[in-house]
């Protein structure tokens, strides 16, 4: 059915004609055992305890000790439409109702009081010393070690770290630190609508879900994205005044933007009416900058200090709005300017890299479909030469040998240019 960076999905047809979906995690999906065990328990918890529509799990194995030699999850097959296939054709009343359904699902998630931070598991899948049991009469669930990928990426998996469950040592008066479970990627492919209806049939792909502090979980879904550093208004969106004079291409772009703006409007209104805790979090000063700092804190491991330092500068600038305590970090004006300039140049390079990836048809790691491999190799060489031509003479060796999509053993010198 599908193959991505983190999973392979197969459709199995039984002797009686019934169909089952088999999902096998790839080696980079996350920590062995924990990734599968947590996803299964999370879906069961959502379905049985919170009454949230998710696929029914028919069976699973969270070890490779089985005849196929791989972890797997067997789920019911859902017959519906991905939200992306119906998005632009949804009339305004149905879009408003859909946003209300999504917010109601989130209300159920935000309302449950978990005893710790971490990931969800069955008690029998987690050692007693590594779990905090959840009080519910619907199953033996617990909070165990966090299985989000960034905690296990590359050599981190070999470090003897405490990955939870984490219980606050000092009781906090702030609701922003409430342990909250939320979908890790609430986007078009992961919302399935019932055929011929705007009713949500299922929310899929809960792999990598974790229970984290509320201020880290708050945010808008991808299909009604709102920049958290900008003030949110409740002005009803409208099409551009010159819409009637636009050509067909510009009208399509305006329609797509209008649909996103309407979704944002309806989502915000529904959140205020149905999920006040989330709205409170969204209104926290500097929320986006706080989240950005946390997201960047792990990247120095991958030699990226640029954005981490820029994030620290950003926090220092807004510190007075988020705390009455003295800021523990300071920068000179020159250091601030240098950090922000470096981050700006980094973003420019990231945009170029994104353009190259799109042109090649590859993911961040250089992976591509077999049918696209020869094209990707040819275009990769063209891009590499083109970047070399634009590099200063003293930077050409670094540009050539530091090219992101090259073989590990390719330390050749750059070719001579005319």
Protein backbone atom coordinates (compact mmCIF):
# COMPACT_ATOMS: atom_id res chain seq x y z
CA UNK A 1 0.00 0.00 0.00
CA UNK A 2 2.73 2.47 0.94
CA UNK A 3 6.37 2.79 1.94
CA UNK A 4 7.90 5.72 3.77
CA UNK A 5 10.95 6.48 5.82
CA UNK A 6 9.47 5.07 9.02
CA UNK A 7 7.02 2.35 7.97
CA UNK A 8 6.11 -0.17 5.31
CA UNK A 9 2.38 -0.79 4.93
CA UNK A 10 0.87 -3.87 3.31
CA UNK A 11 -2.72 -4.84 2.50
CA UNK A 12 -3.36 -8.48 3.37
CA UNK A 13 -6.32 -10.35 1.87
CA UNK A 14 -7.56 -13.30 3.94
CA UNK A 15 -8.98 -16.56 2.57
CA UNK A 16 -12.51 -15.32 3.27
CA UNK A 17 -11.90 -12.09 1.33
CA UNK A 18 -11.56 -9.84 4.37
CA UNK A 19 -8.70 -7.33 4.35
CA UNK A 20 -6.20 -6.40 7.04
CA UNK A 21 -3.56 -3.67 7.07
CA UNK A 22 -0.07 -4.74 8.20
CA UNK A 23 2.32 -2.00 9.32
CA UNK A 24 6.02 -2.74 9.83
CA UNK A 25 8.35 -0.07 11.27
CA UNK A 26 11.69 0.54 9.57
CA UNK A 27 14.96 0.55 11.56
CA UNK A 28 14.89 4.37 11.80
CA UNK A 29 11.29 4.60 13.05
CA UNK A 30 12.40 4.74 16.68
CA UNK A 31 13.65 2.50 19.49
CA UNK A 32 13.00 -1.20 18.99
CA UNK A 33 10.08 -2.64 20.95
CA UNK A 34 9.10 0.70 22.48
CA UNK A 35 7.96 2.27 19.19
CA UNK A 36 5.53 -0.51 18.32
CA UNK A 37 4.42 -1.19 21.90
CA UNK A 38 3.65 2.48 22.49
CA UNK A 39 1.74 3.02 19.24
CA UNK A 40 -0.50 0.01 19.90
CA UNK A 41 -1.22 1.02 23.50
CA UNK A 42 -1.83 4.62 22.46
CA UNK A 43 -4.44 3.64 19.87
CA UNK A 44 -6.17 1.30 22.32
CA UNK A 45 -6.19 4.00 25.01
CA UNK A 46 -7.61 6.58 22.61
CA UNK A 47 -10.32 4.22 21.43
CA UNK A 48 -11.35 2.60 24.71
CA UNK A 49 -10.75 5.36 27.27
CA UNK A 50 -11.19 8.63 25.36
CA UNK A 51 -13.63 7.43 22.66
CA UNK A 52 -11.52 8.91 19.86
CA UNK A 53 -11.88 7.32 16.39
CA UNK A 54 -8.67 5.45 15.57
CA UNK A 55 -8.00 2.17 13.72
CA UNK A 56 -8.83 -1.00 15.64
CA UNK A 57 -5.71 -3.07 16.36
CA UNK A 58 -6.27 -6.74 15.55
CA UNK A 59 -2.87 -7.99 16.67
CA UNK A 60 0.74 -6.93 17.11
CA UNK A 61 4.23 -8.08 17.97
CA UNK A 62 6.68 -5.62 19.53
CA UNK A 63 9.71 -7.88 19.06
CA UNK A 64 11.47 -9.46 16.09
CA UNK A 65 11.11 -12.88 17.70
CA UNK A 66 8.47 -14.17 15.29
CA UNK A 67 8.34 -16.05 11.94
CA UNK A 68 8.68 -12.88 9.81
CA UNK A 69 11.56 -11.49 11.87
CA UNK A 70 10.09 -8.01 12.25
CA UNK A 71 7.86 -6.00 14.56
CA UNK A 72 4.38 -5.44 13.17
CA UNK A 73 0.89 -4.10 13.82
CA UNK A 74 -2.24 -5.61 12.24
CA UNK A 75 -5.15 -3.18 11.91
CA UNK A 76 -8.59 -3.04 10.40
CA UNK A 77 -8.77 -1.55 6.92
CA UNK A 78 -10.54 1.79 6.80
CA UNK A 79 -12.59 2.70 3.75
CA UNK A 80 -12.73 6.45 3.55
CA UNK A 81 -11.12 9.50 2.02
CA UNK A 82 -8.00 11.27 3.21
CA UNK A 83 -8.82 14.86 4.13
CA UNK A 84 -6.44 16.16 1.47
CA UNK A 85 -8.53 14.60 -1.31
CA UNK A 86 -11.62 16.56 -0.23
CA UNK A 87 -10.05 19.67 1.27
CA UNK A 88 -10.60 22.28 -1.44
CA UNK A 89 -14.12 21.03 -2.24
CA UNK A 90 -15.42 21.28 1.34
CA UNK A 91 -18.15 23.95 1.54
CA UNK A 92 -17.81 26.50 4.32
CA UNK A 93 -20.45 24.94 6.66
CA UNK A 94 -18.83 21.50 6.36
CA UNK A 95 -15.37 22.99 6.95
CA UNK A 96 -16.63 24.68 10.12
CA UNK A 97 -18.15 21.41 11.33
CA UNK A 98 -14.93 19.52 10.54
CA UNK A 99 -12.85 21.97 12.59
CA UNK A 100 -15.32 21.54 15.46
CA UNK A 101 -14.88 17.75 15.29
CA UNK A 102 -11.09 18.09 15.38
CA UNK A 103 -11.22 20.45 18.35
CA UNK A 104 -13.58 18.08 20.19
CA UNK A 105 -11.04 15.28 19.72
CA UNK A 106 -8.33 17.57 21.07
CA UNK A 107 -10.55 18.54 24.01
CA UNK A 108 -10.72 14.89 25.04
CA UNK A 109 -6.93 14.65 24.79
CA UNK A 110 -6.28 17.84 26.75
CA UNK A 111 -8.83 16.96 29.44
CA UNK A 112 -7.29 13.67 30.55
CA UNK A 113 -4.89 14.07 33.48
CA UNK A 114 -1.83 11.88 32.96
CA UNK A 115 0.39 11.19 35.99
CA UNK A 116 3.72 11.77 34.21
CA UNK A 117 5.52 12.75 31.00
CA UNK A 118 6.62 10.00 28.63
CA UNK A 119 4.86 7.64 26.21
CA UNK A 120 1.86 5.34 26.62
CA UNK A 121 2.25 1.57 27.03
CA UNK A 122 0.50 -1.49 28.32
CA UNK A 123 1.83 -2.41 31.74
CA UNK A 124 2.90 -5.84 30.49
CA UNK A 125 5.09 -4.21 27.81
CA UNK A 126 7.03 -2.07 30.30
CA UNK A 127 9.21 -3.08 33.29
CA UNK A 128 7.68 -2.10 36.64
CA UNK A 129 10.62 0.17 37.49
CA UNK A 130 10.11 2.09 34.21
CA UNK A 131 6.43 2.92 34.43
CA UNK A 132 3.81 4.98 36.22
CA UNK A 133 0.43 3.25 36.11
CA UNK A 134 -2.65 5.09 34.86
CA UNK A 135 -5.83 4.80 36.89
CA UNK A 136 -8.59 3.63 34.53
CA UNK A 137 -11.01 0.71 34.43
CA UNK A 138 -10.61 0.28 30.65
CA UNK A 139 -7.21 -1.46 30.59
CA UNK A 140 -3.80 -1.80 32.18
CA UNK A 141 -2.15 1.31 30.76
CA UNK A 142 0.90 3.16 32.02
CA UNK A 143 3.28 6.00 31.18
CA UNK A 144 6.75 4.70 30.34
CA UNK A 145 9.95 5.92 28.63
CA UNK A 146 9.47 8.54 25.93
CA UNK A 147 9.95 6.94 22.53
CA UNK A 148 10.06 10.07 20.37
CA UNK A 149 12.78 9.70 17.76
CA UNK A 150 14.90 12.68 18.78
CA UNK A 151 15.58 11.02 22.13
CA UNK A 152 17.03 7.98 20.35
CA UNK A 153 18.49 9.40 17.13
CA UNK A 154 21.88 8.08 15.99
CA UNK A 155 24.27 7.37 18.87
CA UNK A 156 21.87 8.80 21.46
CA UNK A 157 20.34 5.32 21.62
CA UNK A 158 23.58 4.02 23.15
CA UNK A 159 23.70 6.60 25.94
CA UNK A 160 22.53 5.50 29.43
CA UNK A 161 19.97 8.31 29.74
CA UNK A 162 16.85 8.53 31.87
CA UNK A 163 14.08 8.86 29.28
CA UNK A 164 11.25 8.74 31.75
CA UNK A 165 8.61 8.48 32.79
CA UNK A 166 9.20 11.91 34.29
CA UNK A 167 7.25 13.09 37.32
CA UNK A 168 7.54 16.77 38.32
CA UNK A 169 9.74 16.98 41.43
CA UNK A 170 8.11 20.20 42.57
CA UNK A 171 4.36 20.72 42.11
CA UNK A 172 3.77 23.49 39.59
CA UNK A 173 1.03 26.08 39.77
CA UNK A 174 1.21 26.60 36.02
CA UNK A 175 -1.29 24.79 33.82
CA UNK A 176 1.26 25.13 31.03
CA UNK A 177 3.16 22.16 32.46
CA UNK A 178 0.12 19.84 32.49
CA UNK A 179 1.05 16.47 30.89
CA UNK A 180 -0.82 16.32 27.57
CA UNK A 181 -1.01 13.70 24.80
CA UNK A 182 -1.43 15.04 21.28
CA UNK A 183 -1.15 13.69 17.74
CA UNK A 184 2.43 14.21 16.48
CA UNK A 185 1.41 15.16 12.92
CA UNK A 186 -2.21 16.19 12.52
CA UNK A 187 -2.13 16.75 8.76
CA UNK A 188 -4.15 15.86 5.65
CA UNK A 189 -2.95 12.23 5.22
CA UNK A 190 -3.71 11.34 8.84
CA UNK A 191 -7.36 12.38 8.93
CA UNK A 192 -9.76 9.96 7.22
CA UNK A 193 -13.31 11.08 6.40
CA UNK A 194 -16.28 8.75 6.00
CA UNK A 195 -17.34 8.21 2.35
CA UNK A 196 -19.75 10.90 1.19
CA UNK A 197 -19.58 12.73 4.51
CA UNK A 198 -17.45 15.24 6.39
CA UNK A 199 -17.58 13.07 9.52
CA UNK A 200 -14.16 11.99 10.77
CA UNK A 201 -13.90 8.23 10.37
CA UNK A 202 -10.46 7.87 11.94
CA UNK A 203 -7.26 9.65 12.99
CA UNK A 204 -4.32 7.48 11.91
CA UNK A 205 -0.53 7.25 12.44
CA UNK A 206 0.04 7.76 16.18
CA UNK A 207 3.63 6.56 15.94
CA UNK A 208 5.95 8.95 17.82
CA UNK A 209 3.12 10.32 20.01
CA UNK A 210 4.20 11.35 23.50
CA UNK A 211 2.88 12.94 26.68
CA UNK A 212 4.62 16.30 27.06
CA UNK A 213 4.03 19.60 28.90
CA UNK A 214 1.09 21.56 27.52
CA UNK A 215 3.22 24.50 26.38
CA UNK A 216 5.20 22.11 24.16
CA UNK A 217 2.07 20.53 22.66
CA UNK A 218 0.11 23.72 21.93
CA UNK A 219 -0.16 24.84 18.33
CA UNK A 220 -2.26 24.85 15.18
CA UNK A 221 -2.70 21.79 12.93
CA UNK A 222 -0.75 21.91 9.68
CA UNK A 223 -3.86 22.63 7.59
CA UNK A 224 -4.68 25.83 9.50
CA UNK A 225 -1.15 26.94 10.25
CA UNK A 226 -0.71 30.18 12.16
CA UNK A 227 2.61 31.77 13.02
CA UNK A 228 2.68 31.74 16.83
CA UNK A 229 4.75 34.93 16.95
CA UNK A 230 1.91 36.85 15.24
CA UNK A 231 -1.22 38.09 16.97
CA UNK A 232 -4.25 35.93 16.23
CA UNK A 233 -7.37 37.86 15.26
CA UNK A 234 -10.95 36.74 14.84
CA UNK A 235 -11.62 38.72 11.70
CA UNK A 236 -13.62 36.59 9.30
CA UNK A 237 -11.46 35.84 6.23
CA UNK A 238 -12.51 36.91 2.76
CA UNK A 239 -11.32 36.58 -0.81
CA UNK A 240 -9.14 39.37 -2.29
CA UNK A 241 -11.04 42.41 -3.57
CA UNK A 242 -9.66 41.84 -7.08
CA UNK A 243 -10.61 38.15 -7.15
CA UNK A 244 -12.97 38.57 -10.13
CA UNK A 245 -10.17 40.06 -12.25
CA UNK A 246 -7.66 37.28 -11.48
CA UNK A 247 -6.60 34.66 -14.01
CA UNK A 248 -7.41 31.01 -13.35
CA UNK A 249 -4.03 30.19 -11.79
CA UNK A 250 -4.17 33.13 -9.38
CA UNK A 251 -7.76 32.24 -8.49
CA UNK A 252 -6.71 28.70 -7.59
CA UNK A 253 -3.99 30.08 -5.31
CA UNK A 254 -6.43 32.55 -3.75
CA UNK A 255 -8.99 29.77 -3.20
CA UNK A 256 -6.40 27.56 -1.49
CA UNK A 257 -5.27 30.40 0.78
CA UNK A 258 -8.89 31.31 1.55
CA UNK A 259 -9.65 27.72 2.59
CA UNK A 260 -6.64 27.71 4.95
CA UNK A 261 -7.66 31.05 6.45
CA UNK A 262 -11.23 29.83 6.98
CA UNK A 263 -9.94 26.66 8.63
CA UNK A 264 -7.76 28.75 10.94
CA UNK A 265 -10.71 30.97 11.82
CA UNK A 266 -13.10 28.09 12.54
CA UNK A 267 -10.42 26.16 14.46
CA UNK A 268 -9.67 29.16 16.68
CA UNK A 269 -13.36 29.84 17.37
CA UNK A 270 -14.03 26.18 18.16
CA UNK A 271 -10.97 26.00 20.42
CA UNK A 272 -12.21 29.00 22.39
CA UNK A 273 -15.64 27.42 22.81
CA UNK A 274 -14.66 23.77 23.37
CA UNK A 275 -11.04 23.63 24.55
CA UNK A 276 -10.25 26.67 26.69
CA UNK A 277 -7.07 25.10 28.10
CA UNK A 278 -5.53 24.96 24.63
CA UNK A 279 -6.60 28.53 23.88
CA UNK A 280 -4.93 29.63 27.12
CA UNK A 281 -1.71 27.97 25.98
CA UNK A 282 -1.89 29.53 22.51
CA UNK A 283 -2.10 32.97 24.12
CA UNK A 284 1.01 32.52 26.25
CA UNK A 285 3.65 35.22 25.61
CA UNK A 286 6.56 33.99 23.54
CA UNK A 287 5.06 30.52 23.03
CA UNK A 288 6.58 30.07 19.57
CA UNK A 289 10.02 31.19 20.74
CA UNK A 290 9.90 28.85 23.75
CA UNK A 291 9.00 25.91 21.54
CA UNK A 292 11.69 26.88 19.03
CA UNK A 293 14.37 26.94 21.73
CA UNK A 294 13.41 23.46 22.93
CA UNK A 295 13.31 22.08 19.38
CA UNK A 296 16.79 23.49 18.68
CA UNK A 297 18.34 22.26 21.93
CA UNK A 298 19.12 18.84 20.45
CA UNK A 299 20.67 20.02 17.21
CA UNK A 300 24.17 20.84 18.55
CA UNK A 301 24.56 17.04 18.55
CA UNK A 302 24.41 17.32 14.74
CA UNK A 303 26.88 20.25 14.71
CA UNK A 304 24.14 22.89 14.37
CA UNK A 305 24.92 25.60 16.91
CA UNK A 306 23.72 28.42 14.65
CA UNK A 307 19.97 28.13 15.22
CA UNK A 308 20.37 27.14 18.86
CA UNK A 309 22.31 30.34 19.58
CA UNK A 310 19.76 32.40 17.62
CA UNK A 311 16.98 30.78 19.68
CA UNK A 312 18.79 31.75 22.89
CA UNK A 313 19.10 35.33 21.63
CA UNK A 314 15.37 35.32 20.86
CA UNK A 315 14.49 34.13 24.37
CA UNK A 316 16.73 36.77 25.95
CA UNK A 317 14.94 39.48 23.97
CA UNK A 318 11.48 38.46 25.25
CA UNK A 319 12.54 37.27 28.71
CA UNK A 320 10.79 40.05 30.63
CA UNK A 321 7.45 39.04 29.10
CA UNK A 322 7.71 35.41 30.21
CA UNK A 323 9.41 35.58 33.62
CA UNK A 324 9.91 37.90 36.58
CA UNK A 325 13.23 36.23 37.42
CA UNK A 326 16.54 37.59 36.07
CA UNK A 327 17.54 36.04 32.76
CA UNK A 328 20.41 33.58 33.32
CA UNK A 329 21.90 34.24 29.87
CA UNK A 330 23.14 37.45 28.28
CA UNK A 331 24.66 38.50 24.96
CA UNK A 332 26.49 41.61 23.85
CA UNK A 333 24.83 43.62 21.04
CA UNK A 334 27.57 42.43 18.69
CA UNK A 335 26.97 38.77 19.62
CA UNK A 336 23.23 39.19 19.11
CA UNK A 337 23.70 40.72 15.67
CA UNK A 338 26.17 38.01 14.65
CA UNK A 339 23.90 35.19 15.87
CA UNK A 340 20.87 36.52 13.99
CA UNK A 341 22.90 37.12 10.82
CA UNK A 342 24.30 33.58 10.94
CA UNK A 343 20.78 32.19 11.40
CA UNK A 344 19.53 34.22 8.44
CA UNK A 345 22.30 32.82 6.23
CA UNK A 346 21.55 29.32 7.51
CA UNK A 347 17.87 29.69 6.54
CA UNK A 348 18.91 30.86 3.08
CA UNK A 349 21.05 27.73 2.68
CA UNK A 350 18.18 25.59 3.97
CA UNK A 351 15.87 27.06 1.32
CA UNK A 352 18.41 26.24 -1.39
CA UNK A 353 18.72 22.69 -0.05
CA UNK A 354 14.94 22.34 -0.08
CA UNK A 355 14.90 23.44 -3.73
CA UNK A 356 17.59 20.86 -4.55
CA UNK A 357 15.65 18.11 -2.75
CA UNK A 358 12.47 18.95 -4.66
CA UNK A 359 14.38 18.97 -7.96
CA UNK A 360 15.98 15.59 -7.23
CA UNK A 361 12.86 14.06 -5.70
CA UNK A 362 14.70 12.88 -2.58
CA UNK A 363 14.10 13.07 1.16
CA UNK A 364 16.41 14.66 3.74
CA UNK A 365 18.57 11.54 3.91
CA UNK A 366 18.88 11.29 0.11
CA UNK A 367 16.39 8.46 -0.28
CA UNK A 368 14.21 8.21 -3.38
CA UNK A 369 11.98 5.79 -5.28
CA UNK A 370 13.88 3.21 -7.37
CA UNK A 371 12.25 4.52 -10.55
CA UNK A 372 13.61 7.99 -9.81
CA UNK A 373 17.16 6.92 -8.90
CA UNK A 374 18.89 7.58 -12.24
CA UNK A 375 17.18 10.95 -12.62
CA UNK A 376 18.14 11.90 -9.07
CA UNK A 377 21.79 10.97 -9.66
CA UNK A 378 21.95 13.00 -12.87
CA UNK A 379 20.29 16.06 -11.33
CA UNK A 380 22.44 15.75 -8.22
CA UNK A 381 25.62 16.01 -10.29
CA UNK A 382 24.22 19.03 -12.15
CA UNK A 383 23.36 20.81 -8.92
CA UNK A 384 26.74 19.99 -7.41
CA UNK A 385 28.54 21.51 -10.40
CA UNK A 386 26.23 24.52 -10.43
CA UNK A 387 26.91 25.27 -6.77
CA UNK A 388 30.64 24.90 -7.44
CA UNK A 389 30.45 27.51 -10.20
CA UNK A 390 28.88 30.02 -7.82
CA UNK A 391 31.37 29.42 -5.02
CA UNK A 392 34.35 31.72 -4.46
CA UNK A 393 37.63 30.17 -5.59
CA UNK A 394 38.88 29.68 -2.03
CA UNK A 395 35.63 27.94 -1.04
CA UNK A 396 35.33 25.50 -3.94
CA UNK A 397 37.03 22.57 -2.22
CA UNK A 398 34.77 22.92 0.83
CA UNK A 399 31.70 23.32 -1.39
CA UNK A 400 32.54 20.21 -3.41
CA UNK A 401 33.57 17.91 -0.60
CA UNK A 402 30.85 19.15 1.74
CA UNK A 403 28.03 18.49 -0.72
CA UNK A 404 25.17 16.93 1.22
CA UNK A 405 24.19 14.26 -1.33
CA UNK A 406 27.42 12.41 -2.02
CA UNK A 407 28.85 9.01 -1.19
CA UNK A 408 30.60 8.57 2.14
CA UNK A 409 33.84 7.70 0.33
CA UNK A 410 33.67 10.58 -2.15
CA UNK A 411 36.49 12.87 -1.04
CA UNK A 412 37.54 13.77 -4.57
CA UNK A 413 38.91 17.19 -5.43
CA UNK A 414 36.61 19.55 -7.31
CA UNK A 415 36.92 19.53 -11.10
CA UNK A 416 38.69 22.43 -12.79
CA UNK A 417 36.26 24.98 -14.19
CA UNK A 418 36.76 26.87 -17.43
